[in-house]
């Protein structure tokens, strides 16, 4: 309750200067997190990296988790936008080519943000950055289901498309988390190829 009350008291960044300060704080948090990990990502370090006072940080954020949640949401929004662009670029074309392009983009997005994603996933699982990116998963799922409904000869008879899409997306999410966190040393290329074979097997 006390934490909720503190959050309610945070200043909302209505003015352009306030928005700029918030962006500086969130960006600084990403750099501190990548360098020092979650445990070392203190509000003092974030403030110093952002070039603002600690008091300025607390004007907008109740604690470091609130800052990192904003950072995770920013990353998730970027992931949704970039993967969405890959989907849009293949709409109306071959579904398998779209899937391959989406896989490539997903790995690109994960790799480019790995220094921040890795400590978030390993040390701060309560900040659900993967869950925040769920809109793109929902969209890909809807496109796949619609495509196979309109093109029933594109998959094997009696395949449960909804179940197959769920299995594939769950598998992709698990593979990405292990890849980002270093839980596997299998190369991106091998994982990409294996996921492609898995799709062919499911459908």
N, C-alpha and C. Protein backbone atom coordinates (compact mmCIF):
# COMPACT_ATOMS: atom_id res chain seq x y z
N UNK A 1 0.83 -1.20 0.00
CA UNK A 1 0.00 0.00 0.00
C UNK A 1 0.86 1.26 0.00
N UNK A 2 1.89 1.26 0.88
CA UNK A 2 2.77 2.43 0.95
C UNK A 2 3.48 2.65 -0.38
N UNK A 3 3.90 1.52 -1.01
CA UNK A 3 4.58 1.63 -2.30
C UNK A 3 3.65 2.21 -3.35
N UNK A 4 2.36 1.78 -3.33
CA UNK A 4 1.39 2.30 -4.29
C UNK A 4 1.18 3.80 -4.08
N UNK A 5 1.14 4.22 -2.80
CA UNK A 5 0.95 5.63 -2.51
C UNK A 5 2.13 6.45 -3.02
N UNK A 6 3.35 5.90 -2.85
CA UNK A 6 4.54 6.60 -3.34
C UNK A 6 4.47 6.76 -4.85
N UNK A 7 4.03 5.70 -5.54
CA UNK A 7 3.94 5.77 -6.99
C UNK A 7 2.93 6.81 -7.43
N UNK A 8 1.81 6.92 -6.68
CA UNK A 8 0.79 7.90 -7.03
C UNK A 8 1.32 9.32 -6.90
N UNK A 9 2.34 9.51 -6.07
CA UNK A 9 2.87 10.84 -5.82
C UNK A 9 3.93 11.24 -6.84
N UNK A 10 4.36 10.30 -7.68
CA UNK A 10 5.39 10.66 -8.65
C UNK A 10 4.85 11.69 -9.63
N UNK A 11 5.71 12.61 -10.01
CA UNK A 11 5.33 13.65 -10.97
C UNK A 11 5.19 13.04 -12.36
N UNK A 12 4.11 13.36 -13.04
CA UNK A 12 3.93 12.91 -14.41
C UNK A 12 4.60 13.91 -15.36
N UNK A 13 5.39 13.41 -16.32
CA UNK A 13 6.17 14.31 -17.18
C UNK A 13 5.33 14.93 -18.29
N UNK A 14 4.63 16.02 -17.96
CA UNK A 14 3.74 16.64 -18.93
C UNK A 14 4.49 17.57 -19.89
N UNK A 15 5.52 18.23 -19.42
CA UNK A 15 6.22 19.20 -20.24
C UNK A 15 7.37 18.56 -21.01
N UNK A 16 7.77 19.21 -22.09
CA UNK A 16 8.83 18.67 -22.95
C UNK A 16 10.11 18.45 -22.17
N UNK A 17 10.47 19.40 -21.30
CA UNK A 17 11.69 19.26 -20.52
C UNK A 17 11.59 18.06 -19.58
N UNK A 18 10.42 17.86 -19.00
CA UNK A 18 10.22 16.73 -18.11
C UNK A 18 10.35 15.41 -18.86
N UNK A 19 9.77 15.35 -20.06
CA UNK A 19 9.89 14.15 -20.88
C UNK A 19 11.36 13.86 -21.20
N UNK A 20 12.11 14.91 -21.50
CA UNK A 20 13.52 14.73 -21.82
C UNK A 20 14.28 14.19 -20.61
N UNK A 21 13.95 14.69 -19.43
CA UNK A 21 14.60 14.21 -18.21
C UNK A 21 14.29 12.75 -17.97
N UNK A 22 13.03 12.37 -18.14
CA UNK A 22 12.63 10.97 -17.96
C UNK A 22 13.38 10.08 -18.94
N UNK A 23 13.48 10.51 -20.19
CA UNK A 23 14.18 9.72 -21.20
C UNK A 23 15.66 9.57 -20.84
N UNK A 24 16.27 10.63 -20.32
CA UNK A 24 17.67 10.56 -19.90
C UNK A 24 17.84 9.56 -18.77
N UNK A 25 16.92 9.57 -17.83
CA UNK A 25 17.00 8.66 -16.69
C UNK A 25 16.85 7.21 -17.14
N UNK A 26 15.87 6.97 -18.00
CA UNK A 26 15.62 5.60 -18.48
C UNK A 26 16.79 5.10 -19.32
N UNK A 27 17.32 5.95 -20.19
CA UNK A 27 18.47 5.56 -21.01
C UNK A 27 19.69 5.29 -20.14
N UNK A 28 19.89 6.13 -19.13
CA UNK A 28 21.01 5.94 -18.21
C UNK A 28 20.87 4.62 -17.46
N UNK A 29 19.65 4.29 -17.08
CA UNK A 29 19.41 3.02 -16.38
C UNK A 29 19.84 1.84 -17.23
N UNK A 30 19.59 1.92 -18.54
CA UNK A 30 20.01 0.85 -19.44
C UNK A 30 21.52 0.68 -19.45
N UNK A 31 22.24 1.78 -19.48
CA UNK A 31 23.71 1.70 -19.49
C UNK A 31 24.25 1.17 -18.16
N UNK A 32 23.67 1.63 -17.07
CA UNK A 32 24.11 1.16 -15.75
C UNK A 32 23.79 -0.33 -15.59
N UNK A 33 22.61 -0.73 -16.01
CA UNK A 33 22.22 -2.14 -15.90
C UNK A 33 23.16 -3.02 -16.71
N UNK A 34 23.48 -2.60 -17.92
CA UNK A 34 24.36 -3.39 -18.78
C UNK A 34 25.76 -3.52 -18.19
N UNK A 35 26.21 -2.51 -17.47
CA UNK A 35 27.56 -2.51 -16.91
C UNK A 35 27.64 -3.17 -15.54
N UNK A 36 26.66 -2.90 -14.69
CA UNK A 36 26.74 -3.32 -13.29
C UNK A 36 25.74 -4.40 -12.90
N UNK A 37 24.84 -4.77 -13.80
CA UNK A 37 23.84 -5.76 -13.45
C UNK A 37 22.74 -5.17 -12.59
N UNK A 38 21.75 -6.00 -12.28
CA UNK A 38 20.60 -5.52 -11.52
C UNK A 38 21.00 -5.08 -10.11
N UNK A 39 21.80 -5.88 -9.43
CA UNK A 39 22.17 -5.55 -8.05
C UNK A 39 22.93 -4.23 -7.97
N UNK A 40 23.76 -3.96 -8.99
CA UNK A 40 24.55 -2.74 -8.97
C UNK A 40 23.88 -1.55 -9.62
N UNK A 41 22.65 -1.75 -10.07
CA UNK A 41 21.93 -0.67 -10.76
C UNK A 41 21.15 0.15 -9.73
N UNK A 42 21.86 0.98 -8.99
CA UNK A 42 21.24 1.78 -7.93
C UNK A 42 20.74 3.10 -8.50
N UNK A 43 19.84 3.72 -7.76
CA UNK A 43 19.35 5.03 -8.20
C UNK A 43 20.47 6.07 -8.16
N UNK A 44 21.43 5.91 -7.25
CA UNK A 44 22.58 6.82 -7.22
C UNK A 44 23.37 6.74 -8.52
N UNK A 45 23.64 5.51 -8.97
CA UNK A 45 24.40 5.34 -10.21
C UNK A 45 23.60 5.83 -11.41
N UNK A 46 22.32 5.55 -11.41
CA UNK A 46 21.48 5.99 -12.52
C UNK A 46 21.47 7.52 -12.59
N UNK A 47 21.31 8.17 -11.45
CA UNK A 47 21.29 9.64 -11.42
C UNK A 47 22.61 10.20 -11.92
N UNK A 48 23.73 9.62 -11.46
CA UNK A 48 25.04 10.10 -11.89
C UNK A 48 25.23 9.91 -13.39
N UNK A 49 24.81 8.77 -13.90
CA UNK A 49 24.94 8.49 -15.34
C UNK A 49 24.07 9.42 -16.16
N UNK A 50 22.90 9.76 -15.63
CA UNK A 50 21.97 10.65 -16.35
C UNK A 50 22.36 12.11 -16.22
N UNK A 51 23.24 12.41 -15.25
CA UNK A 51 23.63 13.80 -15.04
C UNK A 51 22.55 14.61 -14.35
N UNK A 52 21.78 13.95 -13.48
CA UNK A 52 20.74 14.64 -12.72
C UNK A 52 20.92 14.30 -11.25
N UNK A 53 20.24 15.04 -10.39
CA UNK A 53 20.32 14.75 -8.96
C UNK A 53 19.46 13.54 -8.62
N UNK A 54 19.77 12.91 -7.50
CA UNK A 54 18.95 11.78 -7.05
C UNK A 54 17.52 12.25 -6.79
N UNK A 55 17.38 13.48 -6.30
CA UNK A 55 16.05 14.03 -6.07
C UNK A 55 15.24 14.13 -7.35
N UNK A 56 15.93 14.46 -8.45
CA UNK A 56 15.23 14.54 -9.74
C UNK A 56 14.71 13.17 -10.16
N UNK A 57 15.50 12.13 -9.89
CA UNK A 57 15.06 10.77 -10.21
C UNK A 57 13.77 10.46 -9.46
N UNK A 58 13.75 10.80 -8.17
CA UNK A 58 12.58 10.48 -7.35
C UNK A 58 11.37 11.37 -7.64
N UNK A 59 11.58 12.41 -8.42
CA UNK A 59 10.42 13.20 -8.86
C UNK A 59 9.55 12.38 -9.81
N UNK A 60 10.19 11.47 -10.55
CA UNK A 60 9.47 10.74 -11.59
C UNK A 60 9.33 9.25 -11.32
N UNK A 61 10.21 8.69 -10.50
CA UNK A 61 10.20 7.25 -10.25
C UNK A 61 10.31 6.97 -8.75
N UNK A 62 9.54 6.00 -8.28
CA UNK A 62 9.55 5.67 -6.86
C UNK A 62 10.80 4.91 -6.46
N UNK A 63 11.32 4.07 -7.35
CA UNK A 63 12.50 3.26 -7.04
C UNK A 63 13.11 2.75 -8.34
N UNK A 64 14.18 1.98 -8.21
CA UNK A 64 14.87 1.53 -9.43
C UNK A 64 14.02 0.57 -10.24
N UNK A 65 13.17 -0.23 -9.58
CA UNK A 65 12.33 -1.15 -10.33
C UNK A 65 11.36 -0.41 -11.23
N UNK A 66 10.89 0.73 -10.77
CA UNK A 66 9.98 1.51 -11.61
C UNK A 66 10.73 2.07 -12.83
N UNK A 67 11.98 2.45 -12.63
CA UNK A 67 12.80 2.92 -13.76
C UNK A 67 13.03 1.77 -14.74
N UNK A 68 13.39 0.61 -14.20
CA UNK A 68 13.69 -0.53 -15.06
C UNK A 68 12.44 -1.06 -15.75
N UNK A 69 11.30 -0.90 -15.12
CA UNK A 69 10.05 -1.28 -15.79
C UNK A 69 9.80 -0.38 -17.00
N UNK A 70 10.08 0.92 -16.84
CA UNK A 70 9.95 1.85 -17.97
C UNK A 70 10.95 1.49 -19.07
N UNK A 71 12.16 1.09 -18.67
CA UNK A 71 13.17 0.67 -19.64
C UNK A 71 12.71 -0.59 -20.37
N UNK A 72 12.20 -1.56 -19.62
CA UNK A 72 11.73 -2.80 -20.23
C UNK A 72 10.58 -2.54 -21.19
N UNK A 73 9.68 -1.63 -20.81
CA UNK A 73 8.56 -1.31 -21.69
C UNK A 73 9.05 -0.65 -22.98
N UNK A 74 10.06 0.21 -22.86
CA UNK A 74 10.62 0.83 -24.06
C UNK A 74 11.19 -0.23 -24.99
N UNK A 75 11.96 -1.16 -24.43
CA UNK A 75 12.55 -2.22 -25.24
C UNK A 75 11.47 -3.08 -25.87
N UNK A 76 10.45 -3.43 -25.08
CA UNK A 76 9.36 -4.25 -25.60
C UNK A 76 8.64 -3.54 -26.75
N UNK A 77 8.43 -2.23 -26.61
CA UNK A 77 7.77 -1.46 -27.67
C UNK A 77 8.62 -1.46 -28.94
N UNK A 78 9.94 -1.35 -28.76
CA UNK A 78 10.84 -1.38 -29.92
C UNK A 78 10.80 -2.75 -30.59
N UNK A 79 10.77 -3.81 -29.78
CA UNK A 79 10.68 -5.16 -30.32
C UNK A 79 9.39 -5.35 -31.11
N UNK A 80 8.29 -4.89 -30.54
CA UNK A 80 6.99 -5.00 -31.21
C UNK A 80 7.03 -4.26 -32.55
N UNK A 81 7.61 -3.06 -32.55
CA UNK A 81 7.65 -2.25 -33.78
C UNK A 81 8.51 -2.91 -34.85
N UNK A 82 9.70 -3.39 -34.47
CA UNK A 82 10.62 -3.95 -35.46
C UNK A 82 10.12 -5.28 -36.01
N UNK A 83 9.61 -6.13 -35.14
CA UNK A 83 9.08 -7.41 -35.61
C UNK A 83 7.80 -7.18 -36.40
N UNK A 84 7.00 -6.20 -35.97
CA UNK A 84 5.79 -5.86 -36.71
C UNK A 84 6.10 -5.39 -38.12
N UNK A 85 7.19 -4.64 -38.27
CA UNK A 85 7.61 -4.19 -39.60
C UNK A 85 7.98 -5.38 -40.48
N UNK A 86 8.65 -6.36 -39.89
CA UNK A 86 9.02 -7.57 -40.64
C UNK A 86 7.77 -8.32 -41.10
N UNK A 87 6.76 -8.36 -40.23
CA UNK A 87 5.50 -9.01 -40.59
C UNK A 87 4.81 -8.24 -41.72
N UNK A 88 4.73 -6.91 -41.55
CA UNK A 88 4.05 -6.08 -42.55
C UNK A 88 4.70 -6.20 -43.93
N UNK A 89 6.03 -6.33 -43.93
CA UNK A 89 6.74 -6.42 -45.20
C UNK A 89 6.49 -7.70 -45.96
N UNK A 90 5.90 -8.69 -45.28
CA UNK A 90 5.66 -9.98 -45.93
C UNK A 90 4.18 -10.32 -46.05
N UNK A 91 3.31 -9.42 -45.61
CA UNK A 91 1.88 -9.70 -45.69
C UNK A 91 1.45 -9.94 -47.14
N UNK A 92 0.62 -10.95 -47.33
CA UNK A 92 0.14 -11.27 -48.66
C UNK A 92 1.07 -12.17 -49.44
N UNK A 93 2.25 -12.43 -48.89
CA UNK A 93 3.21 -13.30 -49.56
C UNK A 93 3.21 -14.69 -48.98
N UNK A 94 4.29 -15.39 -49.22
CA UNK A 94 4.43 -16.76 -48.75
C UNK A 94 4.56 -16.78 -47.22
N UNK A 95 3.73 -17.58 -46.55
CA UNK A 95 3.72 -17.61 -45.09
C UNK A 95 5.04 -18.13 -44.53
N UNK A 96 5.68 -19.05 -45.27
CA UNK A 96 6.93 -19.62 -44.78
C UNK A 96 8.06 -18.60 -44.88
N UNK A 97 8.05 -17.79 -45.96
CA UNK A 97 9.04 -16.72 -46.09
C UNK A 97 8.83 -15.68 -45.01
N UNK A 98 7.57 -15.39 -44.69
CA UNK A 98 7.29 -14.45 -43.61
C UNK A 98 7.83 -14.99 -42.29
N UNK A 99 7.58 -16.26 -42.03
CA UNK A 99 8.07 -16.85 -40.78
C UNK A 99 9.58 -16.78 -40.67
N UNK A 100 10.27 -17.03 -41.78
CA UNK A 100 11.73 -16.97 -41.77
C UNK A 100 12.21 -15.55 -41.51
N UNK A 101 11.56 -14.57 -42.14
CA UNK A 101 11.93 -13.16 -41.94
C UNK A 101 11.68 -12.73 -40.50
N UNK A 102 10.56 -13.17 -39.94
CA UNK A 102 10.24 -12.82 -38.56
C UNK A 102 11.25 -13.44 -37.60
N UNK A 103 11.65 -14.68 -37.85
CA UNK A 103 12.66 -15.31 -37.00
C UNK A 103 13.97 -14.53 -37.06
N UNK A 104 14.39 -14.15 -38.26
CA UNK A 104 15.64 -13.39 -38.41
C UNK A 104 15.58 -12.07 -37.65
N UNK A 105 14.47 -11.36 -37.81
CA UNK A 105 14.31 -10.08 -37.14
C UNK A 105 14.26 -10.25 -35.63
N UNK A 106 13.60 -11.30 -35.17
CA UNK A 106 13.50 -11.56 -33.73
C UNK A 106 14.88 -11.79 -33.13
N UNK A 107 15.70 -12.57 -33.81
CA UNK A 107 17.07 -12.78 -33.33
C UNK A 107 17.88 -11.49 -33.39
N UNK A 108 17.69 -10.69 -34.45
CA UNK A 108 18.39 -9.40 -34.55
C UNK A 108 18.04 -8.50 -33.36
N UNK A 109 16.75 -8.42 -33.07
CA UNK A 109 16.27 -7.57 -31.97
C UNK A 109 16.85 -8.06 -30.65
N UNK A 110 16.83 -9.36 -30.44
CA UNK A 110 17.34 -9.92 -29.19
C UNK A 110 18.84 -9.66 -29.04
N UNK A 111 19.59 -9.86 -30.10
CA UNK A 111 21.04 -9.66 -30.04
C UNK A 111 21.40 -8.20 -29.77
N UNK A 112 20.72 -7.28 -30.44
CA UNK A 112 21.06 -5.87 -30.31
C UNK A 112 20.77 -5.34 -28.91
N UNK A 113 19.89 -6.00 -28.18
CA UNK A 113 19.53 -5.53 -26.84
C UNK A 113 19.95 -6.51 -25.75
N UNK A 114 20.79 -7.45 -26.10
CA UNK A 114 21.20 -8.48 -25.14
C UNK A 114 21.86 -7.92 -23.87
N UNK A 115 22.73 -6.88 -23.95
CA UNK A 115 23.36 -6.38 -22.72
C UNK A 115 22.36 -5.91 -21.66
N UNK A 116 21.19 -5.46 -22.11
CA UNK A 116 20.15 -5.04 -21.16
C UNK A 116 19.19 -6.18 -20.85
N UNK A 117 18.82 -6.93 -21.87
CA UNK A 117 17.86 -8.01 -21.67
C UNK A 117 18.40 -9.11 -20.76
N UNK A 118 19.70 -9.41 -20.88
CA UNK A 118 20.26 -10.51 -20.11
C UNK A 118 20.12 -10.29 -18.60
N UNK A 119 20.57 -9.15 -18.05
CA UNK A 119 20.38 -8.96 -16.60
C UNK A 119 18.92 -8.84 -16.19
N UNK A 120 18.08 -8.30 -17.07
CA UNK A 120 16.66 -8.24 -16.74
C UNK A 120 16.08 -9.64 -16.59
N UNK A 121 16.40 -10.52 -17.52
CA UNK A 121 15.85 -11.87 -17.50
C UNK A 121 16.44 -12.71 -16.37
N UNK A 122 17.74 -12.56 -16.13
CA UNK A 122 18.40 -13.39 -15.13
C UNK A 122 18.22 -12.89 -13.71
N UNK A 123 18.28 -11.57 -13.53
CA UNK A 123 18.31 -11.01 -12.18
C UNK A 123 17.02 -10.30 -11.76
N UNK A 124 16.18 -9.99 -12.73
CA UNK A 124 14.94 -9.27 -12.40
C UNK A 124 13.75 -9.86 -13.15
N UNK A 125 13.49 -11.15 -12.95
CA UNK A 125 12.38 -11.79 -13.69
C UNK A 125 11.01 -11.20 -13.36
N UNK A 126 10.93 -10.48 -12.22
CA UNK A 126 9.66 -9.84 -11.86
C UNK A 126 9.32 -8.69 -12.81
N UNK A 127 10.33 -8.23 -13.57
CA UNK A 127 10.07 -7.22 -14.60
C UNK A 127 9.94 -7.98 -15.91
N UNK A 128 8.73 -8.27 -16.31
CA UNK A 128 8.45 -9.23 -17.38
C UNK A 128 8.57 -8.59 -18.76
N UNK A 129 9.81 -8.41 -19.21
CA UNK A 129 10.02 -7.74 -20.50
C UNK A 129 9.48 -8.57 -21.66
N UNK A 130 9.57 -9.89 -21.58
CA UNK A 130 9.04 -10.74 -22.64
C UNK A 130 7.51 -10.62 -22.69
N UNK A 131 6.89 -10.61 -21.52
CA UNK A 131 5.44 -10.45 -21.47
C UNK A 131 4.98 -9.12 -22.04
N UNK A 132 5.80 -8.08 -21.85
CA UNK A 132 5.45 -6.76 -22.37
C UNK A 132 5.42 -6.74 -23.90
N UNK A 133 6.14 -7.68 -24.52
CA UNK A 133 6.18 -7.75 -25.98
C UNK A 133 5.08 -8.64 -26.54
N UNK A 134 4.13 -9.03 -25.70
CA UNK A 134 3.08 -9.97 -26.12
C UNK A 134 2.23 -9.49 -27.29
N UNK A 135 2.04 -8.16 -27.51
CA UNK A 135 1.22 -7.76 -28.66
C UNK A 135 1.71 -8.31 -29.99
N UNK A 136 3.03 -8.39 -30.19
CA UNK A 136 3.52 -8.91 -31.46
C UNK A 136 3.30 -10.42 -31.54
N UNK A 137 3.35 -11.10 -30.41
CA UNK A 137 3.09 -12.54 -30.38
C UNK A 137 1.63 -12.80 -30.74
N UNK A 138 0.74 -12.00 -30.16
CA UNK A 138 -0.69 -12.14 -30.46
C UNK A 138 -0.94 -11.89 -31.94
N UNK A 139 -0.28 -10.87 -32.49
CA UNK A 139 -0.50 -10.53 -33.90
C UNK A 139 0.01 -11.64 -34.82
N UNK A 140 1.20 -12.15 -34.53
CA UNK A 140 1.75 -13.24 -35.35
C UNK A 140 0.85 -14.46 -35.27
N UNK A 141 0.34 -14.74 -34.09
CA UNK A 141 -0.55 -15.88 -33.91
C UNK A 141 -1.83 -15.70 -34.73
N UNK A 142 -2.40 -14.50 -34.69
CA UNK A 142 -3.63 -14.23 -35.44
C UNK A 142 -3.41 -14.35 -36.94
N UNK A 143 -2.26 -13.84 -37.42
CA UNK A 143 -1.95 -13.92 -38.85
C UNK A 143 -1.80 -15.37 -39.28
N UNK A 144 -1.08 -16.16 -38.48
CA UNK A 144 -0.89 -17.56 -38.81
C UNK A 144 -2.20 -18.32 -38.85
N UNK A 145 -3.03 -18.10 -37.86
CA UNK A 145 -4.33 -18.79 -37.81
C UNK A 145 -5.20 -18.39 -39.00
N UNK A 146 -5.21 -17.09 -39.32
CA UNK A 146 -6.02 -16.62 -40.45
C UNK A 146 -5.51 -17.20 -41.76
N UNK A 147 -4.19 -17.21 -41.93
CA UNK A 147 -3.62 -17.71 -43.18
C UNK A 147 -3.99 -19.18 -43.39
N UNK A 148 -3.82 -19.98 -42.36
CA UNK A 148 -4.09 -21.41 -42.52
C UNK A 148 -5.59 -21.69 -42.65
N UNK A 149 -6.42 -20.82 -42.07
CA UNK A 149 -7.86 -20.97 -42.24
C UNK A 149 -8.26 -20.70 -43.69
N UNK A 150 -7.58 -19.72 -44.31
CA UNK A 150 -7.89 -19.37 -45.70
C UNK A 150 -7.18 -20.27 -46.70
N UNK A 151 -6.12 -20.95 -46.26
CA UNK A 151 -5.34 -21.81 -47.14
C UNK A 151 -5.15 -23.18 -46.49
N UNK A 152 -6.22 -23.94 -46.37
CA UNK A 152 -6.15 -25.21 -45.63
C UNK A 152 -5.20 -26.23 -46.23
N UNK A 153 -4.89 -26.10 -47.53
CA UNK A 153 -3.97 -27.07 -48.13
C UNK A 153 -2.52 -26.79 -47.77
N UNK A 154 -2.25 -25.66 -47.09
CA UNK A 154 -0.88 -25.30 -46.72
C UNK A 154 -0.39 -26.07 -45.49
N UNK A 155 -1.28 -26.76 -44.81
CA UNK A 155 -0.85 -27.57 -43.67
C UNK A 155 -1.45 -28.96 -43.78
N UNK A 156 -0.89 -29.89 -43.03
CA UNK A 156 -1.35 -31.27 -43.09
C UNK A 156 -2.78 -31.40 -42.57
N UNK A 157 -3.49 -32.35 -43.11
CA UNK A 157 -4.86 -32.60 -42.66
C UNK A 157 -4.88 -32.94 -41.18
N UNK A 158 -5.92 -32.51 -40.51
CA UNK A 158 -6.18 -32.80 -39.10
C UNK A 158 -5.20 -32.11 -38.15
N UNK A 159 -4.40 -31.19 -38.66
CA UNK A 159 -3.53 -30.42 -37.77
C UNK A 159 -4.37 -29.40 -37.01
N UNK A 160 -4.20 -29.35 -35.70
CA UNK A 160 -4.87 -28.34 -34.87
C UNK A 160 -4.02 -27.07 -34.94
N UNK A 161 -4.42 -26.13 -35.80
CA UNK A 161 -3.61 -24.94 -36.05
C UNK A 161 -3.43 -24.11 -34.78
N UNK A 162 -4.50 -23.94 -34.00
CA UNK A 162 -4.39 -23.16 -32.77
C UNK A 162 -3.36 -23.76 -31.83
N UNK A 163 -3.42 -25.07 -31.65
CA UNK A 163 -2.48 -25.75 -30.76
C UNK A 163 -1.06 -25.68 -31.31
N UNK A 164 -0.93 -25.85 -32.63
CA UNK A 164 0.40 -25.81 -33.25
C UNK A 164 1.02 -24.43 -33.11
N UNK A 165 0.22 -23.37 -33.31
CA UNK A 165 0.73 -22.01 -33.15
C UNK A 165 1.16 -21.76 -31.71
N UNK A 166 0.36 -22.24 -30.76
CA UNK A 166 0.69 -22.07 -29.35
C UNK A 166 2.01 -22.76 -29.02
N UNK A 167 2.18 -23.99 -29.50
CA UNK A 167 3.41 -24.74 -29.23
C UNK A 167 4.61 -24.03 -29.83
N UNK A 168 4.47 -23.56 -31.08
CA UNK A 168 5.60 -22.89 -31.73
C UNK A 168 5.99 -21.60 -31.00
N UNK A 169 5.01 -20.78 -30.66
CA UNK A 169 5.31 -19.51 -30.00
C UNK A 169 5.92 -19.75 -28.62
N UNK A 170 5.42 -20.75 -27.90
CA UNK A 170 5.99 -21.09 -26.59
C UNK A 170 7.43 -21.56 -26.76
N UNK A 171 7.67 -22.35 -27.79
CA UNK A 171 9.02 -22.85 -28.06
C UNK A 171 9.95 -21.70 -28.43
N UNK A 172 9.49 -20.79 -29.28
CA UNK A 172 10.30 -19.64 -29.68
C UNK A 172 10.65 -18.78 -28.47
N UNK A 173 9.67 -18.52 -27.61
CA UNK A 173 9.92 -17.72 -26.42
C UNK A 173 10.99 -18.36 -25.54
N UNK A 174 10.89 -19.66 -25.34
CA UNK A 174 11.86 -20.37 -24.50
C UNK A 174 13.25 -20.35 -25.11
N UNK A 175 13.33 -20.57 -26.43
CA UNK A 175 14.62 -20.56 -27.12
C UNK A 175 15.27 -19.18 -27.02
N UNK A 176 14.48 -18.13 -27.22
CA UNK A 176 15.02 -16.77 -27.16
C UNK A 176 15.57 -16.45 -25.77
N UNK A 177 14.83 -16.82 -24.74
CA UNK A 177 15.28 -16.54 -23.37
C UNK A 177 16.61 -17.25 -23.11
N UNK A 178 16.70 -18.52 -23.50
CA UNK A 178 17.95 -19.27 -23.29
C UNK A 178 19.09 -18.68 -24.11
N UNK A 179 18.78 -18.23 -25.32
CA UNK A 179 19.80 -17.64 -26.19
C UNK A 179 20.31 -16.32 -25.61
N UNK A 180 19.39 -15.48 -25.17
CA UNK A 180 19.76 -14.17 -24.63
C UNK A 180 20.56 -14.32 -23.34
N UNK A 181 20.14 -15.23 -22.48
CA UNK A 181 20.78 -15.37 -21.17
C UNK A 181 22.06 -16.19 -21.20
N UNK A 182 22.34 -16.83 -22.35
CA UNK A 182 23.54 -17.65 -22.44
C UNK A 182 23.37 -19.04 -21.85
N UNK A 183 22.12 -19.47 -21.69
CA UNK A 183 21.88 -20.81 -21.15
C UNK A 183 22.24 -21.89 -22.16
N UNK A 184 22.41 -21.50 -23.42
CA UNK A 184 22.86 -22.42 -24.46
C UNK A 184 23.99 -21.76 -25.25
N UNK A 185 24.92 -22.59 -25.72
CA UNK A 185 25.99 -22.06 -26.57
C UNK A 185 25.76 -22.43 -28.03
N UNK A 186 24.56 -22.93 -28.33
CA UNK A 186 24.22 -23.24 -29.72
C UNK A 186 24.09 -21.93 -30.49
N UNK A 187 24.65 -21.89 -31.69
CA UNK A 187 24.68 -20.65 -32.45
C UNK A 187 23.29 -20.23 -32.90
N UNK A 188 23.18 -18.95 -33.17
CA UNK A 188 21.93 -18.39 -33.69
C UNK A 188 21.50 -19.11 -34.96
N UNK A 189 22.45 -19.36 -35.85
CA UNK A 189 22.12 -19.98 -37.14
C UNK A 189 21.52 -21.38 -36.94
N UNK A 190 22.10 -22.13 -36.01
CA UNK A 190 21.60 -23.48 -35.76
C UNK A 190 20.22 -23.44 -35.10
N UNK A 191 20.02 -22.50 -34.19
CA UNK A 191 18.72 -22.37 -33.54
C UNK A 191 17.66 -21.95 -34.55
N UNK A 192 18.02 -21.01 -35.42
CA UNK A 192 17.09 -20.55 -36.45
C UNK A 192 16.68 -21.72 -37.34
N UNK A 193 17.66 -22.50 -37.78
CA UNK A 193 17.36 -23.64 -38.65
C UNK A 193 16.48 -24.66 -37.93
N UNK A 194 16.79 -24.93 -36.66
CA UNK A 194 16.01 -25.91 -35.91
C UNK A 194 14.56 -25.45 -35.72
N UNK A 195 14.38 -24.16 -35.48
CA UNK A 195 13.02 -23.63 -35.35
C UNK A 195 12.26 -23.75 -36.67
N UNK A 196 12.98 -23.55 -37.78
CA UNK A 196 12.35 -23.72 -39.09
C UNK A 196 11.88 -25.15 -39.30
N UNK A 197 12.73 -26.11 -38.93
CA UNK A 197 12.34 -27.52 -39.05
C UNK A 197 11.16 -27.83 -38.12
N UNK A 198 11.16 -27.21 -36.95
CA UNK A 198 10.06 -27.44 -36.00
C UNK A 198 8.74 -26.95 -36.57
N UNK A 199 8.77 -25.79 -37.23
CA UNK A 199 7.55 -25.26 -37.85
C UNK A 199 7.04 -26.23 -38.91
N UNK A 200 7.96 -26.71 -39.75
CA UNK A 200 7.57 -27.65 -40.80
C UNK A 200 6.96 -28.92 -40.19
N UNK A 201 7.52 -29.36 -39.07
CA UNK A 201 7.01 -30.56 -38.42
C UNK A 201 5.65 -30.35 -37.78
N UNK A 202 5.43 -29.15 -37.23
CA UNK A 202 4.16 -28.87 -36.57
C UNK A 202 3.01 -28.77 -37.55
N UNK A 203 3.30 -28.20 -38.73
CA UNK A 203 2.23 -27.94 -39.68
C UNK A 203 2.24 -28.90 -40.87
